């Protein structure tokens, strides 16, 4: 019988007195990450019983707006690539990538 392996990803969020994130740290030992600092996190989890996604979107006070725009763009591009791998729907993945190009152009990220 094959031995099962588990993997753990942890997030540590330091909050100010108003419960606003001041510091975000994450650990994924299998990936070689140990308490790495991040300025923003977007996490989606699929609830198959309710047929809906649950999300956690956090960013620190120090996350600059220009970096947030880049973060969103890169996340959208990654989502289009993941969508293609997960569904093999090349036509829709290409449509999503077209939107990503439009998004980058409108935010002037194509410098």
C-alpha atoms as a PDB file:
ATOM      1  CA  UNK A   1       0.000   0.000   0.000  1.00  0.00           C
ATOM      2  CA  UNK A   2       1.286   3.465  -0.889  1.00  0.00           C
ATOM      3  CA  UNK A   3       2.119   5.831   1.918  1.00  0.00           C
ATOM      4  CA  UNK A   4       0.084   9.037   1.789  1.00  0.00           C
ATOM      5  CA  UNK A   5       1.832  12.363   2.008  1.00  0.00           C
ATOM      6  CA  UNK A   6       0.302  15.553   3.320  1.00  0.00           C
ATOM      7  CA  UNK A   7       1.429  19.071   2.641  1.00  0.00           C
ATOM      8  CA  UNK A   8       0.641  22.189   4.598  1.00  0.00           C
ATOM      9  CA  UNK A   9       0.507  25.849   3.647  1.00  0.00           C
ATOM     10  CA  UNK A  10       0.238  28.369   6.466  1.00  0.00           C
ATOM     11  CA  UNK A  11      -0.546  32.075   6.534  1.00  0.00           C
ATOM     12  CA  UNK A  12       0.337  34.305   9.466  1.00  0.00           C
ATOM     13  CA  UNK A  13      -1.415  37.664   9.517  1.00  0.00           C
ATOM     14  CA  UNK A  14      -0.410  40.402  11.941  1.00  0.00           C
ATOM     15  CA  UNK A  15      -3.236  42.886  12.496  1.00  0.00           C
ATOM     16  CA  UNK A  16      -3.338  46.411  13.875  1.00  0.00           C
ATOM     17  CA  UNK A  17      -5.776  47.501  16.588  1.00  0.00           C
ATOM     18  CA  UNK A  18      -8.520  47.850  13.926  1.00  0.00           C
ATOM     19  CA  UNK A  19      -7.832  44.322  12.624  1.00  0.00           C
ATOM     20  CA  UNK A  20      -6.290  45.661   9.399  1.00  0.00           C
ATOM     21  CA  UNK A  21      -3.389  43.524   8.124  1.00  0.00           C
ATOM     22  CA  UNK A  22       0.003  45.045   8.821  1.00  0.00           C
ATOM     23  CA  UNK A  23       2.129  42.042   7.941  1.00  0.00           C
ATOM     24  CA  UNK A  24       1.462  38.896   5.915  1.00  0.00           C
ATOM     25  CA  UNK A  25       3.762  35.885   6.153  1.00  0.00           C
ATOM     26  CA  UNK A  26       3.411  32.472   4.547  1.00  0.00           C
ATOM     27  CA  UNK A  27       5.056  29.075   4.841  1.00  0.00           C
ATOM     28  CA  UNK A  28       4.986  26.146   2.416  1.00  0.00           C
ATOM     29  CA  UNK A  29       7.787  23.860   3.547  1.00  0.00           C
ATOM     30  CA  UNK A  30       7.369  21.449   0.623  1.00  0.00           C
ATOM     31  CA  UNK A  31       7.971  24.419  -1.684  1.00  0.00           C
ATOM     32  CA  UNK A  32      10.964  25.670   0.273  1.00  0.00           C
ATOM     33  CA  UNK A  33       9.102  28.685   1.673  1.00  0.00           C
ATOM     34  CA  UNK A  34       9.517  29.526   5.353  1.00  0.00           C
ATOM     35  CA  UNK A  35       7.856  32.659   6.769  1.00  0.00           C
ATOM     36  CA  UNK A  36       8.200  34.672   3.566  1.00  0.00           C
ATOM     37  CA  UNK A  37       6.686  38.126   3.659  1.00  0.00           C
ATOM     38  CA  UNK A  38       3.929  39.071   1.232  1.00  0.00           C
ATOM     39  CA  UNK A  39       2.043  42.312   0.700  1.00  0.00           C
ATOM     40  CA  UNK A  40      -1.169  40.689  -0.587  1.00  0.00           C
ATOM     41  CA  UNK A  41      -2.942  37.331  -0.645  1.00  0.00           C
ATOM     42  CA  UNK A  42      -5.877  36.134  -2.743  1.00  0.00           C
ATOM     43  CA  UNK A  43      -7.135  32.694  -1.823  1.00  0.00           C
ATOM     44  CA  UNK A  44     -10.133  30.901  -3.327  1.00  0.00           C
ATOM     45  CA  UNK A  45     -11.541  27.654  -1.996  1.00  0.00           C
ATOM     46  CA  UNK A  46     -14.301  25.662  -3.723  1.00  0.00           C
ATOM     47  CA  UNK A  47     -17.150  24.496  -1.496  1.00  0.00           C
ATOM     48  CA  UNK A  48     -18.571  21.588  -3.498  1.00  0.00           C
ATOM     49  CA  UNK A  49     -21.600  21.160  -1.231  1.00  0.00           C
ATOM     50  CA  UNK A  50     -22.748  24.765  -1.624  1.00  0.00           C
ATOM     51  CA  UNK A  51     -21.383  24.976  -5.206  1.00  0.00           C
ATOM     52  CA  UNK A  52     -19.685  28.276  -4.480  1.00  0.00           C
ATOM     53  CA  UNK A  53     -16.246  29.680  -3.966  1.00  0.00           C
ATOM     54  CA  UNK A  54     -15.130  31.130  -0.683  1.00  0.00           C
ATOM     55  CA  UNK A  55     -12.456  33.778  -0.783  1.00  0.00           C
ATOM     56  CA  UNK A  56      -9.950  35.493   1.405  1.00  0.00           C
ATOM     57  CA  UNK A  57      -8.478  38.699  -0.025  1.00  0.00           C
ATOM     58  CA  UNK A  58      -5.988  40.490   2.193  1.00  0.00           C
ATOM     59  CA  UNK A  59      -3.393  43.190   1.659  1.00  0.00           C
ATOM     60  CA  UNK A  60      -1.233  45.226   3.951  1.00  0.00           C
ATOM     61  CA  UNK A  61      -1.321  48.968   4.443  1.00  0.00           C
ATOM     62  CA  UNK A  62       2.030  49.124   2.647  1.00  0.00           C
ATOM     63  CA  UNK A  63       0.761  47.504  -0.568  1.00  0.00           C
ATOM     64  CA  UNK A  64       1.135  50.278  -3.172  1.00  0.00           C
ATOM     65  CA  UNK A  65      -1.757  50.736  -5.587  1.00  0.00           C
ATOM     66  CA  UNK A  66       0.538  50.422  -8.626  1.00  0.00           C
ATOM     67  CA  UNK A  67       1.760  47.046  -7.339  1.00  0.00           C
ATOM     68  CA  UNK A  68      -1.831  45.971  -6.599  1.00  0.00           C
ATOM     69  CA  UNK A  69      -2.713  46.620 -10.248  1.00  0.00           C
ATOM     70  CA  UNK A  70       0.230  44.460 -11.378  1.00  0.00           C
ATOM     71  CA  UNK A  71      -0.738  41.778  -8.834  1.00  0.00           C
ATOM     72  CA  UNK A  72      -4.302  41.699 -10.202  1.00  0.00           C
ATOM     73  CA  UNK A  73      -3.063  41.524 -13.792  1.00  0.00           C
ATOM     74  CA  UNK A  74      -0.677  38.665 -13.067  1.00  0.00           C
ATOM     75  CA  UNK A  75      -3.401  36.841 -11.121  1.00  0.00           C
ATOM     76  CA  UNK A  76      -5.830  37.190 -14.027  1.00  0.00           C
ATOM     77  CA  UNK A  77      -3.214  35.885 -16.482  1.00  0.00           C
ATOM     78  CA  UNK A  78      -2.494  32.929 -14.186  1.00  0.00           C
ATOM     79  CA  UNK A  79      -6.221  32.224 -13.859  1.00  0.00           C
ATOM     80  CA  UNK A  80      -6.601  32.090 -17.647  1.00  0.00           C
ATOM     81  CA  UNK A  81      -3.709  29.615 -17.851  1.00  0.00           C
ATOM     82  CA  UNK A  82      -5.142  27.515 -15.023  1.00  0.00           C
ATOM     83  CA  UNK A  83      -8.575  27.605 -16.667  1.00  0.00           C
ATOM     84  CA  UNK A  84      -7.039  26.213 -19.881  1.00  0.00           C
ATOM     85  CA  UNK A  85      -5.245  23.388 -18.041  1.00  0.00           C
ATOM     86  CA  UNK A  86      -8.301  22.548 -15.919  1.00  0.00           C
ATOM     87  CA  UNK A  87     -10.959  22.622 -18.640  1.00  0.00           C
ATOM     88  CA  UNK A  88      -9.053  22.285 -21.941  1.00  0.00           C
ATOM     89  CA  UNK A  89     -11.319  25.093 -23.205  1.00  0.00           C
ATOM     90  CA  UNK A  90      -8.799  26.899 -25.384  1.00  0.00           C
ATOM     91  CA  UNK A  91     -11.336  29.303 -26.899  1.00  0.00           C
ATOM     92  CA  UNK A  92     -12.444  30.689 -23.537  1.00  0.00           C
ATOM     93  CA  UNK A  93      -8.857  30.747 -22.220  1.00  0.00           C
ATOM     94  CA  UNK A  94      -7.879  32.845 -25.243  1.00  0.00           C
ATOM     95  CA  UNK A  95     -10.827  35.164 -24.572  1.00  0.00           C
ATOM     96  CA  UNK A  96      -9.665  35.535 -20.963  1.00  0.00           C
ATOM     97  CA  UNK A  97      -6.126  36.333 -22.165  1.00  0.00           C
ATOM     98  CA  UNK A  98      -7.545  38.960 -24.525  1.00  0.00           C
ATOM     99  CA  UNK A  99      -9.212  40.560 -21.513  1.00  0.00           C
ATOM    100  CA  UNK A 100      -5.896  40.417 -19.621  1.00  0.00           C
ATOM    101  CA  UNK A 101      -4.235  42.289 -22.488  1.00  0.00           C
ATOM    102  CA  UNK A 102      -7.059  44.856 -22.425  1.00  0.00           C
ATOM    103  CA  UNK A 103      -6.758  45.160 -18.625  1.00  0.00           C
ATOM    104  CA  UNK A 104      -2.986  45.768 -18.875  1.00  0.00           C
ATOM    105  CA  UNK A 105      -3.434  48.302 -21.652  1.00  0.00           C
ATOM    106  CA  UNK A 106      -6.109  50.287 -19.780  1.00  0.00           C
ATOM    107  CA  UNK A 107      -3.966  50.357 -16.625  1.00  0.00           C
ATOM    108  CA  UNK A 108      -0.886  51.253 -18.675  1.00  0.00           C
ATOM    109  CA  UNK A 109       0.991  48.148 -17.490  1.00  0.00           C
ATOM    110  CA  UNK A 110       2.430  47.317 -20.914  1.00  0.00           C
ATOM    111  CA  UNK A 111       5.480  49.568 -20.546  1.00  0.00           C
END
